[in-house]
Amino acid sequence: MDTQRKKGLLDILVLSVLLSGPSYGYKIIQDISEVMEVSESTMYPIFKRLESSGCVLTYSEEHNGRKRKYFSLTDTGREKIDSFLSEWQEMMQIYDFIMQNRRQNP
């Protein structure tokens, strides 16, 4: 997959994981890995960017004697998901158009 497209999708995937509630980096990476291959080194800049843009809030809690950083979804993050879903409808129309032309002109 194109790197830029993957980068944009990773943002949305992180936000969508957080729809079910706050989570931490390693768990988010595991959840996303079910649909897209991703490494920790790829994800931490994304976490930082989502925090800077106000899409997620972070806080730390102790877990097994160590601090664990948690991410939670903000209203801005929810709006970003809604915007993506709205844009995706347009992308599906484009996809259908391309597939229709491909079938007509193999």
Protein backbone atom coordinates (compact mmCIF):
# COMPACT_ATOMS: atom_id res chain seq x y z
CA MET A 1 0.00 0.00 0.00
CA ASP A 2 1.15 3.52 -0.75
CA THR A 3 2.99 4.97 2.26
CA GLN A 4 0.99 8.21 2.43
CA ARG A 5 -2.34 6.39 2.15
CA LYS A 6 -1.25 3.95 4.86
CA LYS A 7 -0.21 6.84 7.12
CA GLY A 8 -3.65 8.44 6.87
CA LEU A 9 -5.40 5.15 7.48
CA LEU A 10 -3.27 4.44 10.55
CA ASP A 11 -4.50 7.67 12.14
CA ILE A 12 -8.09 6.58 11.64
CA LEU A 13 -7.38 3.04 12.81
CA VAL A 14 -5.89 4.35 16.07
CA LEU A 15 -8.89 6.60 16.62
CA SER A 16 -11.32 3.79 15.85
CA VAL A 17 -9.63 1.50 18.39
CA LEU A 18 -10.17 4.23 20.97
CA LEU A 19 -13.92 4.34 20.25
CA SER A 20 -14.26 1.42 22.66
CA GLY A 21 -12.37 3.28 25.39
CA PRO A 22 -8.88 4.34 26.46
CA SER A 23 -6.00 2.05 25.57
CA TYR A 24 -2.20 1.98 25.61
CA GLY A 25 0.33 1.89 22.79
CA TYR A 26 1.25 -1.79 22.68
CA LYS A 27 -2.42 -2.87 22.82
CA ILE A 28 -3.40 -0.41 20.10
CA ILE A 29 -0.60 -1.73 17.90
CA GLN A 30 -1.80 -5.30 18.48
CA ASP A 31 -5.38 -4.34 17.62
CA ILE A 32 -4.37 -2.57 14.42
CA SER A 33 -2.05 -5.40 13.39
CA GLU A 34 -5.16 -7.53 12.86
CA VAL A 35 -5.93 -5.48 9.72
CA MET A 36 -2.65 -3.80 8.77
CA GLU A 37 0.98 -4.66 9.39
CA VAL A 38 2.53 -1.98 11.56
CA SER A 39 5.63 -1.54 13.70
CA GLU A 40 6.12 0.28 16.98
CA SER A 41 8.55 2.69 15.32
CA THR A 42 5.80 3.67 12.87
CA MET A 43 3.12 4.09 15.51
CA TYR A 44 4.70 6.29 18.15
CA PRO A 45 5.04 9.32 15.84
CA ILE A 46 1.37 8.78 14.93
CA PHE A 47 0.39 8.76 18.61
CA LYS A 48 2.36 12.00 19.07
CA ARG A 49 0.72 13.63 16.04
CA LEU A 50 -2.79 12.64 17.17
CA GLU A 51 -2.05 14.09 20.60
CA SER A 52 -0.69 17.35 19.12
CA SER A 53 -3.74 17.74 16.90
CA GLY A 54 -6.10 17.29 19.84
CA CYS A 55 -7.56 14.00 18.60
CA VAL A 56 -6.40 12.09 21.68
CA LEU A 57 -5.60 12.89 25.27
CA THR A 58 -2.90 11.05 27.16
CA TYR A 59 -2.45 10.15 30.78
CA SER A 60 -0.27 7.73 32.71
CA GLU A 61 -1.23 5.05 35.19
CA GLU A 62 0.86 2.56 37.06
CA HIS A 63 0.61 -1.03 35.84
CA ASN A 64 2.66 -3.82 37.44
CA GLY A 65 5.00 -1.28 39.02
CA ARG A 66 5.61 0.65 35.80
CA LYS A 67 4.02 3.75 34.29
CA ARG A 68 1.88 3.04 31.26
CA LYS A 69 0.77 5.81 28.90
CA TYR A 70 -2.90 5.65 27.92
CA PHE A 71 -4.65 7.35 25.02
CA SER A 72 -8.29 8.41 25.02
CA LEU A 73 -10.41 9.75 22.19
CA THR A 74 -11.52 13.39 22.19
CA ASP A 75 -14.44 15.05 20.43
CA THR A 76 -11.95 16.24 17.80
CA GLY A 77 -10.90 12.61 17.26
CA ARG A 78 -14.53 11.56 16.85
CA GLU A 79 -15.04 14.36 14.31
CA LYS A 80 -12.00 13.11 12.39
CA ILE A 81 -13.54 9.62 12.23
CA ASP A 82 -16.86 11.08 11.03
CA SER A 83 -15.07 13.12 8.39
CA PHE A 84 -13.17 10.05 7.20
CA LEU A 85 -16.36 8.02 6.92
CA SER A 86 -18.00 10.79 4.95
CA GLU A 87 -15.01 11.03 2.59
CA TRP A 88 -14.93 7.25 2.30
CA GLN A 89 -18.39 7.28 0.72
CA GLU A 90 -16.99 9.48 -2.03
CA MET A 91 -13.98 7.16 -2.40
CA MET A 92 -16.32 4.18 -2.80
CA GLN A 93 -18.13 5.99 -5.62
CA ILE A 94 -14.78 6.57 -7.32
CA TYR A 95 -13.83 2.92 -6.78
CA ASP A 96 -17.13 1.75 -8.28
CA PHE A 97 -16.62 4.05 -11.28
CA ILE A 98 -13.11 2.67 -11.88
CA MET A 99 -14.26 -0.93 -11.53
CA GLN A 100 -17.17 -0.36 -13.90
CA ASN A 101 -14.84 1.11 -16.54
CA ARG A 102 -12.35 -1.70 -16.02
CA ARG A 103 -15.03 -4.34 -16.58
CA GLN A 104 -16.19 -2.58 -19.75
CA ASN A 105 -12.63 -2.17 -21.05
CA PRO A 106 -10.50 -5.10 -19.86
